[in-house]
Amino acid sequence: MTEWVVQLPDDLAQRAKSAGLLSDVVIQRLLEEAMRREAGAKLMQLTAGLHAANIEPMTEDEIVAEVKAVRAARLAPESQGKNSNQS
């Protein structure tokens, strides 16, 4: 568990405390929500970039073929290494 200290303006700290927002559980929830929003914003930026690049969407068959190719490429060095050690 990480412990940290945050400095806030007195009025903000008092309002947050009065609203029940300064507990560990609430701060954790607020941080997790902020991180989800940030991830969503990044995803939307990537999506906009793909749209702007005019890249055609892949079909399900194309995606499956790409996944299979990547898996095969990852397994190839392992199987080659095993074969060369057996010599």
N, C-alpha and C. Protein backbone atom coordinates (compact mmCIF):
# COMPACT_ATOMS: atom_id res chain seq x y z
N MET A 1 0.85 -1.17 0.00
CA MET A 1 0.00 0.00 0.00
C MET A 1 0.90 1.24 0.00
N THR A 2 0.56 2.19 -0.79
CA THR A 2 1.31 3.43 -0.89
C THR A 2 0.61 4.52 -0.08
N GLU A 3 1.40 5.27 0.66
CA GLU A 3 0.86 6.40 1.40
C GLU A 3 1.41 7.66 0.78
N TRP A 4 0.58 8.70 0.62
CA TRP A 4 1.02 9.93 0.03
C TRP A 4 0.32 11.11 0.69
N VAL A 5 0.93 12.25 0.58
CA VAL A 5 0.40 13.47 1.18
C VAL A 5 0.05 14.43 0.05
N VAL A 6 -1.12 15.03 0.16
CA VAL A 6 -1.57 15.98 -0.85
C VAL A 6 -1.81 17.33 -0.18
N GLN A 7 -1.32 18.36 -0.80
CA GLN A 7 -1.57 19.70 -0.28
C GLN A 7 -2.69 20.33 -1.08
N LEU A 8 -3.71 20.78 -0.37
CA LEU A 8 -4.87 21.40 -1.01
C LEU A 8 -5.09 22.78 -0.38
N PRO A 9 -5.69 23.68 -1.14
CA PRO A 9 -6.09 24.95 -0.53
C PRO A 9 -7.08 24.65 0.61
N ASP A 10 -7.00 25.41 1.68
CA ASP A 10 -7.82 25.15 2.86
C ASP A 10 -9.30 25.07 2.54
N ASP A 11 -9.81 26.00 1.71
CA ASP A 11 -11.24 26.00 1.41
C ASP A 11 -11.65 24.75 0.64
N LEU A 12 -10.83 24.32 -0.29
CA LEU A 12 -11.13 23.10 -1.04
C LEU A 12 -11.09 21.88 -0.12
N ALA A 13 -10.09 21.79 0.73
CA ALA A 13 -9.99 20.67 1.65
C ALA A 13 -11.20 20.61 2.57
N GLN A 14 -11.65 21.76 3.07
CA GLN A 14 -12.80 21.79 3.97
C GLN A 14 -14.08 21.37 3.25
N ARG A 15 -14.26 21.88 2.03
CA ARG A 15 -15.45 21.49 1.25
C ARG A 15 -15.42 20.00 0.92
N ALA A 16 -14.25 19.47 0.54
CA ALA A 16 -14.12 18.05 0.22
C ALA A 16 -14.39 17.20 1.46
N LYS A 17 -13.86 17.64 2.59
CA LYS A 17 -14.08 16.91 3.84
C LYS A 17 -15.55 16.92 4.21
N SER A 18 -16.21 18.07 4.08
CA SER A 18 -17.64 18.18 4.39
C SER A 18 -18.47 17.30 3.47
N ALA A 19 -18.02 17.12 2.24
CA ALA A 19 -18.74 16.29 1.27
C ALA A 19 -18.40 14.81 1.42
N GLY A 20 -17.49 14.48 2.34
CA GLY A 20 -17.11 13.08 2.55
C GLY A 20 -16.19 12.53 1.47
N LEU A 21 -15.44 13.42 0.83
CA LEU A 21 -14.60 13.00 -0.29
C LEU A 21 -13.15 12.73 0.07
N LEU A 22 -12.79 12.85 1.34
CA LEU A 22 -11.38 12.68 1.70
C LEU A 22 -11.06 11.33 2.33
N SER A 23 -11.95 10.37 2.22
CA SER A 23 -11.65 9.04 2.75
C SER A 23 -10.83 8.25 1.73
N ASP A 24 -10.09 7.27 2.22
CA ASP A 24 -9.26 6.44 1.33
C ASP A 24 -10.11 5.78 0.24
N VAL A 25 -11.27 5.26 0.62
CA VAL A 25 -12.12 4.55 -0.33
C VAL A 25 -12.63 5.49 -1.42
N VAL A 26 -13.06 6.68 -1.02
CA VAL A 26 -13.59 7.63 -2.00
C VAL A 26 -12.49 8.13 -2.91
N ILE A 27 -11.33 8.44 -2.37
CA ILE A 27 -10.22 8.92 -3.21
C ILE A 27 -9.80 7.84 -4.19
N GLN A 28 -9.77 6.58 -3.75
CA GLN A 28 -9.44 5.48 -4.66
C GLN A 28 -10.45 5.42 -5.79
N ARG A 29 -11.74 5.52 -5.45
CA ARG A 29 -12.79 5.48 -6.48
C ARG A 29 -12.65 6.64 -7.45
N LEU A 30 -12.38 7.84 -6.93
CA LEU A 30 -12.21 9.01 -7.79
C LEU A 30 -11.03 8.85 -8.75
N LEU A 31 -9.92 8.31 -8.23
CA LEU A 31 -8.75 8.09 -9.08
C LEU A 31 -9.04 7.04 -10.16
N GLU A 32 -9.71 5.96 -9.78
CA GLU A 32 -10.04 4.92 -10.77
C GLU A 32 -10.96 5.46 -11.85
N GLU A 33 -11.95 6.26 -11.46
CA GLU A 33 -12.85 6.87 -12.44
C GLU A 33 -12.09 7.82 -13.36
N ALA A 34 -11.18 8.60 -12.80
CA ALA A 34 -10.38 9.52 -13.62
C ALA A 34 -9.51 8.75 -14.60
N MET A 35 -8.93 7.63 -14.17
CA MET A 35 -8.09 6.83 -15.07
C MET A 35 -8.92 6.20 -16.18
N ARG A 36 -10.15 5.76 -15.88
CA ARG A 36 -11.03 5.22 -16.92
C ARG A 36 -11.39 6.31 -17.94
N ARG A 37 -11.70 7.51 -17.44
CA ARG A 37 -12.01 8.61 -18.37
C ARG A 37 -10.80 8.93 -19.25
N GLU A 38 -9.61 8.94 -18.66
CA GLU A 38 -8.39 9.22 -19.42
C GLU A 38 -8.17 8.14 -20.49
N ALA A 39 -8.36 6.88 -20.12
CA ALA A 39 -8.20 5.79 -21.09
C ALA A 39 -9.22 5.92 -22.22
N GLY A 40 -10.45 6.28 -21.87
CA GLY A 40 -11.49 6.48 -22.88
C GLY A 40 -11.14 7.62 -23.82
N ALA A 41 -10.61 8.71 -23.26
CA ALA A 41 -10.21 9.85 -24.09
C ALA A 41 -9.09 9.46 -25.05
N LYS A 42 -8.13 8.68 -24.56
CA LYS A 42 -7.03 8.23 -25.42
C LYS A 42 -7.55 7.32 -26.53
N LEU A 43 -8.50 6.45 -26.19
CA LEU A 43 -9.09 5.57 -27.19
C LEU A 43 -9.81 6.38 -28.26
N MET A 44 -10.53 7.41 -27.84
CA MET A 44 -11.23 8.25 -28.81
C MET A 44 -10.23 8.99 -29.71
N GLN A 45 -9.09 9.41 -29.15
CA GLN A 45 -8.07 10.07 -29.97
C GLN A 45 -7.51 9.10 -31.00
N LEU A 46 -7.26 7.85 -30.57
CA LEU A 46 -6.76 6.84 -31.52
C LEU A 46 -7.78 6.57 -32.61
N THR A 47 -9.04 6.47 -32.22
CA THR A 47 -10.10 6.22 -33.18
C THR A 47 -10.19 7.35 -34.19
N ALA A 48 -10.10 8.59 -33.70
CA ALA A 48 -10.14 9.74 -34.60
C ALA A 48 -8.95 9.71 -35.56
N GLY A 49 -7.79 9.31 -35.04
CA GLY A 49 -6.61 9.22 -35.89
C GLY A 49 -6.77 8.18 -36.98
N LEU A 50 -7.33 7.04 -36.63
CA LEU A 50 -7.57 6.00 -37.63
C LEU A 50 -8.58 6.47 -38.68
N HIS A 51 -9.62 7.13 -38.20
CA HIS A 51 -10.63 7.64 -39.13
C HIS A 51 -10.01 8.67 -40.08
N ALA A 52 -9.20 9.56 -39.53
CA ALA A 52 -8.55 10.59 -40.35
C ALA A 52 -7.58 9.98 -41.35
N ALA A 53 -6.98 8.84 -40.99
CA ALA A 53 -6.02 8.18 -41.89
C ALA A 53 -6.72 7.43 -43.00
N ASN A 54 -8.05 7.36 -42.93
CA ASN A 54 -8.85 6.70 -43.97
C ASN A 54 -8.50 5.22 -44.12
N ILE A 55 -8.23 4.56 -43.01
CA ILE A 55 -7.89 3.13 -43.03
C ILE A 55 -9.18 2.33 -43.05
N GLU A 56 -9.25 1.41 -43.99
CA GLU A 56 -10.43 0.56 -44.10
C GLU A 56 -10.50 -0.39 -42.91
N PRO A 57 -11.69 -0.59 -42.34
CA PRO A 57 -11.81 -1.54 -41.23
C PRO A 57 -11.54 -2.96 -41.71
N MET A 58 -10.97 -3.77 -40.81
CA MET A 58 -10.68 -5.16 -41.14
C MET A 58 -11.92 -6.01 -40.94
N THR A 59 -12.04 -7.05 -41.75
CA THR A 59 -13.13 -8.01 -41.56
C THR A 59 -12.75 -8.95 -40.42
N GLU A 60 -13.71 -9.68 -39.91
CA GLU A 60 -13.42 -10.64 -38.85
C GLU A 60 -12.42 -11.69 -39.32
N ASP A 61 -12.55 -12.14 -40.56
CA ASP A 61 -11.62 -13.13 -41.11
C ASP A 61 -10.19 -12.58 -41.17
N GLU A 62 -10.06 -11.30 -41.55
CA GLU A 62 -8.73 -10.68 -41.60
C GLU A 62 -8.12 -10.58 -40.20
N ILE A 63 -8.95 -10.24 -39.22
CA ILE A 63 -8.47 -10.15 -37.84
C ILE A 63 -8.01 -11.51 -37.35
N VAL A 64 -8.79 -12.54 -37.61
CA VAL A 64 -8.42 -13.90 -37.20
C VAL A 64 -7.11 -14.31 -37.86
N ALA A 65 -6.95 -14.00 -39.13
CA ALA A 65 -5.71 -14.35 -39.84
C ALA A 65 -4.51 -13.62 -39.23
N GLU A 66 -4.67 -12.35 -38.88
CA GLU A 66 -3.59 -11.59 -38.26
C GLU A 66 -3.21 -12.17 -36.90
N VAL A 67 -4.22 -12.52 -36.10
CA VAL A 67 -3.95 -13.11 -34.78
C VAL A 67 -3.19 -14.42 -34.94
N LYS A 68 -3.62 -15.25 -35.87
CA LYS A 68 -2.93 -16.52 -36.11
C LYS A 68 -1.49 -16.30 -36.55
N ALA A 69 -1.26 -15.31 -37.40
CA ALA A 69 0.09 -15.02 -37.88
C ALA A 69 0.99 -14.55 -36.73
N VAL A 70 0.46 -13.71 -35.86
CA VAL A 70 1.24 -13.23 -34.72
C VAL A 70 1.57 -14.38 -33.78
N ARG A 71 0.58 -15.22 -33.51
CA ARG A 71 0.82 -16.37 -32.63
C ARG A 71 1.87 -17.30 -33.23
N ALA A 72 1.78 -17.54 -34.52
CA ALA A 72 2.76 -18.41 -35.17
C ALA A 72 4.16 -17.80 -35.10
N ALA A 73 4.25 -16.50 -35.29
CA ALA A 73 5.55 -15.83 -35.22
C ALA A 73 6.14 -15.90 -33.82
N ARG A 74 5.29 -15.81 -32.81
CA ARG A 74 5.77 -15.89 -31.42
C ARG A 74 6.24 -17.30 -31.08
N LEU A 75 5.57 -18.28 -31.63
CA LEU A 75 5.94 -19.67 -31.34
C LEU A 75 7.17 -20.12 -32.13
N ALA A 76 7.41 -19.53 -33.29
CA ALA A 76 8.51 -19.96 -34.16
C ALA A 76 9.87 -19.88 -33.47
N PRO A 77 10.23 -18.79 -32.83
CA PRO A 77 11.55 -18.74 -32.17
C PRO A 77 11.68 -19.78 -31.05
N GLU A 78 10.59 -20.04 -30.33
CA GLU A 78 10.63 -21.03 -29.26
C GLU A 78 10.89 -22.43 -29.82
N SER A 79 10.17 -22.77 -30.89
CA SER A 79 10.34 -24.11 -31.45
C SER A 79 11.70 -24.24 -32.13
N GLN A 80 12.21 -23.17 -32.73
CA GLN A 80 13.53 -23.22 -33.35
C GLN A 80 14.61 -23.38 -32.28
N GLY A 81 14.43 -22.69 -31.16
CA GLY A 81 15.39 -22.80 -30.06
C GLY A 81 15.42 -24.20 -29.48
N LYS A 82 14.26 -24.83 -29.38
CA LYS A 82 14.19 -26.21 -28.84
C LYS A 82 14.86 -27.18 -29.80
N ASN A 83 14.63 -26.96 -31.11
CA ASN A 83 15.22 -27.86 -32.09
C ASN A 83 16.73 -27.72 -32.12
N SER A 84 17.24 -26.49 -32.00
CA SER A 84 18.69 -26.30 -32.08
C SER A 84 19.37 -26.84 -30.84
N ASN A 85 18.69 -26.88 -29.71
CA ASN A 85 19.28 -27.43 -28.50
C ASN A 85 19.34 -28.95 -28.53
N GLN A 86 18.50 -29.56 -29.36
CA GLN A 86 18.47 -31.02 -29.43
C GLN A 86 19.59 -31.56 -30.29
N SER A 87 20.24 -30.75 -31.10
CA SER A 87 21.30 -31.21 -32.02
C SER A 87 22.52 -31.65 -31.29
